[in-house]
Amino acid sequence: MAKKCRDKKGTPGWTYHGVTMSWRLTDTQQVPAIEQSVITVVKCPVDYYQHFDYSPEVMALRSARIVELGWSSTSFDLPRPPYPIGEYSLLSEAIKKVISVLNLYCSRIAAEIYPSIIGLLPNEHRQDYCLLYFNHAAYEFYNLLFILGKENCPFENVPNPKINTLNQLLRWSKSFEFMRRKLYKSHGFSWEPKGNV
């Protein structure tokens, strides 16, 4: 029986130059091929205490309000240009990369920034952080994630947990990916997630 299930071939929803881009789940529904799902992890480093060497005349022109805010020297915290540190098909693998790069296990999720970007920030300010950019296939694959945690979840029968931390997101992604893998395998769809470590 297991052999029969292994030999089952799924029906491509559409292909591009012979590559399966999506799989046909039903006559009216398709799911993206996991190989087409790409989540780009971008690190946004913050430089501490960049010095600008402003002249005494310029420093004297600062308003009292700026001094009150704590900007009383020539040092500022500014972001350096962000850069990608990896591309992954699975959200759980992308999160593991963030944990290893930031040496971070407990973090808050900044927010969903636009529909397909998630920000992962440390609990404290003035630290490096990461952004996860979902391509179209990844957004479609993880679309449930972008529905959860809303005040007005459009689906009554969907569990609606709050996902506010990195650990909560990792737990959710592992569970979700396990169920999706079972679905894909049971229909004979390919499951070869890609990623760089």
Protein backbone atom coordinates (compact mmCIF):
# COMPACT_ATOMS: atom_id res chain seq x y z
CA MET A 1 0.00 0.00 0.00
CA ALA A 2 2.83 2.39 0.88
CA LYS A 3 4.51 1.68 -2.45
CA LYS A 4 1.34 2.59 -4.32
CA CYS A 5 1.19 5.92 -2.46
CA ARG A 6 4.86 6.60 -3.25
CA ASP A 7 4.35 5.92 -6.94
CA LYS A 8 1.40 8.29 -7.18
CA LYS A 9 2.08 11.29 -9.43
CA GLY A 10 0.38 14.61 -8.91
CA THR A 11 -1.12 16.63 -11.73
CA PRO A 12 0.74 19.87 -12.46
CA GLY A 13 -1.43 22.97 -12.29
CA TRP A 14 0.88 24.78 -14.71
CA THR A 15 4.44 24.42 -15.88
CA TYR A 16 7.05 26.85 -17.21
CA HIS A 17 9.76 25.51 -19.51
CA GLY A 18 9.03 22.02 -18.22
CA VAL A 19 9.27 23.05 -14.54
CA THR A 20 6.21 22.50 -12.34
CA MET A 21 5.18 25.84 -10.88
CA SER A 22 2.02 24.64 -9.11
CA TRP A 23 0.07 21.45 -8.48
CA ARG A 24 -3.63 20.82 -9.12
CA LEU A 25 -5.33 20.00 -5.82
CA THR A 26 -8.88 19.96 -7.20
CA ASP A 27 -10.54 21.06 -10.42
CA THR A 28 -10.79 24.58 -9.03
CA GLN A 29 -7.82 24.84 -6.68
CA GLN A 30 -4.05 24.79 -7.12
CA VAL A 31 -1.20 24.91 -4.63
CA PRO A 32 2.31 26.27 -5.35
CA ALA A 33 5.15 23.82 -5.81
CA ILE A 34 7.28 24.06 -2.68
CA GLU A 35 10.38 24.46 -4.85
CA GLN A 36 8.97 27.77 -6.14
CA SER A 37 8.47 29.14 -2.64
CA VAL A 38 11.23 31.61 -1.75
CA ILE A 39 11.57 33.47 1.53
CA THR A 40 14.51 35.87 1.43
CA VAL A 41 16.08 36.64 4.80
CA VAL A 42 17.52 40.16 4.90
CA LYS A 43 19.68 41.36 7.76
CA CYS A 44 19.40 45.00 8.76
CA PRO A 45 22.48 45.85 10.82
CA VAL A 46 22.55 48.86 13.09
CA ASP A 47 25.81 50.72 13.59
CA TYR A 48 26.31 52.00 17.09
CA TYR A 49 27.79 55.41 17.65
CA GLN A 50 28.61 56.67 14.21
CA HIS A 51 30.57 59.88 14.62
CA PHE A 52 29.97 62.84 12.38
CA ASP A 53 32.50 65.37 13.66
CA TYR A 54 30.18 68.34 13.35
CA SER A 55 31.80 71.70 13.92
CA PRO A 56 31.28 73.49 17.27
CA GLU A 57 29.19 76.14 15.48
CA VAL A 58 26.79 73.52 14.13
CA MET A 59 26.55 71.74 17.47
CA ALA A 60 25.72 75.03 19.14
CA LEU A 61 22.77 75.50 16.78
CA ARG A 62 20.97 72.39 17.97
CA SER A 63 17.64 73.09 19.56
CA ALA A 64 17.12 72.42 23.26
CA ARG A 65 14.56 69.76 22.32
CA ILE A 66 17.23 67.68 20.57
CA VAL A 67 19.39 67.81 23.68
CA GLU A 68 16.41 66.74 25.79
CA LEU A 69 15.90 63.73 23.52
CA GLY A 70 19.39 62.58 24.38
CA TRP A 71 21.19 63.55 21.21
CA SER A 72 23.76 65.55 23.09
CA SER A 73 26.89 64.35 21.29
CA THR A 74 28.02 63.70 17.75
CA SER A 75 27.15 60.00 18.05
CA PHE A 76 24.07 58.49 16.43
CA ASP A 77 22.64 55.02 15.88
CA LEU A 78 22.04 54.57 12.18
CA PRO A 79 21.25 51.57 10.02
CA ARG A 80 23.83 50.25 7.59
CA PRO A 81 22.61 49.03 4.19
CA PRO A 82 20.64 45.78 4.60
CA TYR A 83 21.83 42.67 2.79
CA PRO A 84 20.36 39.21 2.08
CA ILE A 85 21.75 36.32 4.12
CA GLY A 86 19.78 33.43 2.66
CA GLU A 87 16.83 32.15 0.66
CA TYR A 88 14.61 29.33 1.90
CA SER A 89 11.50 27.50 0.77
CA LEU A 90 10.40 26.79 4.34
CA LEU A 91 9.64 29.46 6.92
CA SER A 92 11.02 27.28 9.73
CA GLU A 93 14.43 27.16 8.00
CA ALA A 94 14.39 30.94 7.47
CA ILE A 95 13.64 31.46 11.18
CA LYS A 96 16.48 29.13 12.18
CA LYS A 97 18.80 31.26 10.05
CA VAL A 98 17.61 34.41 11.84
CA ILE A 99 18.20 32.76 15.22
CA SER A 100 21.74 31.73 14.26
CA VAL A 101 22.66 35.09 12.70
CA LEU A 102 21.26 37.28 15.47
CA ASN A 103 22.09 34.74 18.20
CA LEU A 104 18.54 35.26 19.28
CA TYR A 105 16.01 32.83 20.72
CA CYS A 106 13.37 35.04 22.22
CA SER A 107 12.30 37.92 20.07
CA ARG A 108 9.22 39.80 19.19
CA ILE A 109 7.77 39.98 15.71
CA ALA A 110 7.76 43.62 14.71
CA ALA A 111 4.73 43.31 12.51
CA GLU A 112 3.58 42.26 9.16
CA ILE A 113 4.93 45.00 6.96
CA TYR A 114 2.78 45.07 3.88
CA PRO A 115 1.11 41.75 3.07
CA SER A 116 4.23 39.71 2.40
CA ILE A 117 6.98 40.97 4.73
CA ILE A 118 7.57 39.99 8.36
CA GLY A 119 9.97 41.86 10.62
CA LEU A 120 11.84 40.01 13.38
CA LEU A 121 13.31 42.31 15.99
CA PRO A 122 15.08 41.71 19.30
CA ASN A 123 13.22 42.68 22.45
CA GLU A 124 15.61 45.57 22.93
CA HIS A 125 16.06 48.50 20.56
CA ARG A 126 19.34 49.44 18.89
CA GLN A 127 20.09 45.89 17.80
CA ASP A 128 20.38 44.27 14.40
CA TYR A 129 17.14 42.84 13.06
CA CYS A 130 15.91 40.78 10.11
CA LEU A 131 13.15 41.05 7.57
CA LEU A 132 11.58 38.08 5.80
CA TYR A 133 10.42 38.75 2.24
CA PHE A 134 7.95 36.20 0.84
CA ASN A 135 7.77 35.82 -2.93
CA HIS A 136 4.38 35.18 -4.55
CA ALA A 137 4.53 31.39 -4.18
CA ALA A 138 5.70 31.61 -0.55
CA TYR A 139 2.96 34.11 0.28
CA GLU A 140 0.41 31.77 -1.27
CA PHE A 141 1.87 28.75 0.54
CA TYR A 142 1.82 30.52 3.93
CA ASN A 143 -1.32 32.59 3.33
CA LEU A 144 -2.90 31.30 6.54
CA LEU A 145 -0.13 33.00 8.53
CA PHE A 146 -1.16 36.39 7.17
CA ILE A 147 -4.76 35.80 8.24
CA LEU A 148 -4.05 34.68 11.81
CA GLY A 149 -3.92 36.97 14.80
CA LYS A 150 -6.27 39.54 13.32
CA GLU A 151 -9.12 41.01 15.30
CA ASN A 152 -11.54 40.12 12.53
CA CYS A 153 -10.33 36.78 11.16
CA PRO A 154 -12.49 36.15 8.05
CA PHE A 155 -12.82 32.41 8.76
CA GLU A 156 -14.82 31.31 11.79
CA ASN A 157 -13.50 27.73 11.88
CA VAL A 158 -9.79 28.60 11.72
CA PRO A 159 -7.78 28.55 14.96
CA ASN A 160 -6.68 32.12 15.52
CA PRO A 161 -3.62 32.09 17.78
CA LYS A 162 -1.68 35.24 18.48
CA ILE A 163 1.80 34.93 16.99
CA ASN A 164 3.86 37.67 18.59
CA THR A 165 7.27 36.10 19.18
CA LEU A 166 9.93 34.28 17.21
CA ASN A 167 9.39 31.07 19.19
CA GLN A 168 5.62 31.15 18.57
CA LEU A 169 6.23 31.69 14.86
CA LEU A 170 8.73 28.81 14.73
CA ARG A 171 6.33 26.42 16.49
CA TRP A 172 3.48 27.42 14.20
CA SER A 173 5.59 27.08 11.04
CA LYS A 174 6.86 23.61 11.94
CA SER A 175 3.34 22.35 12.62
CA PHE A 176 1.95 23.98 9.48
CA GLU A 177 4.76 22.63 7.28
CA PHE A 178 4.30 19.12 8.68
CA MET A 179 0.60 19.15 7.73
CA ARG A 180 1.28 20.64 4.30
CA ARG A 181 4.00 18.05 3.62
CA LYS A 182 1.50 15.28 4.42
CA LEU A 183 -1.00 16.89 2.04
CA TYR A 184 1.53 17.24 -0.76
CA LYS A 185 2.86 13.70 -0.38
CA SER A 186 -0.64 12.17 -0.22
CA HIS A 187 -1.49 13.80 -3.58
CA GLY A 188 1.80 12.84 -5.22
CA PHE A 189 3.14 16.41 -5.31
CA SER A 190 6.87 17.06 -5.17
CA TRP A 191 8.41 18.12 -1.86
CA GLU A 192 11.97 19.30 -2.29
CA PRO A 193 12.27 22.54 -0.34
CA LYS A 194 15.34 24.55 -1.15
CA GLY A 195 17.51 26.66 1.07
CA ASN A 196 21.07 27.69 1.83
CA VAL A 197 22.52 27.31 5.29
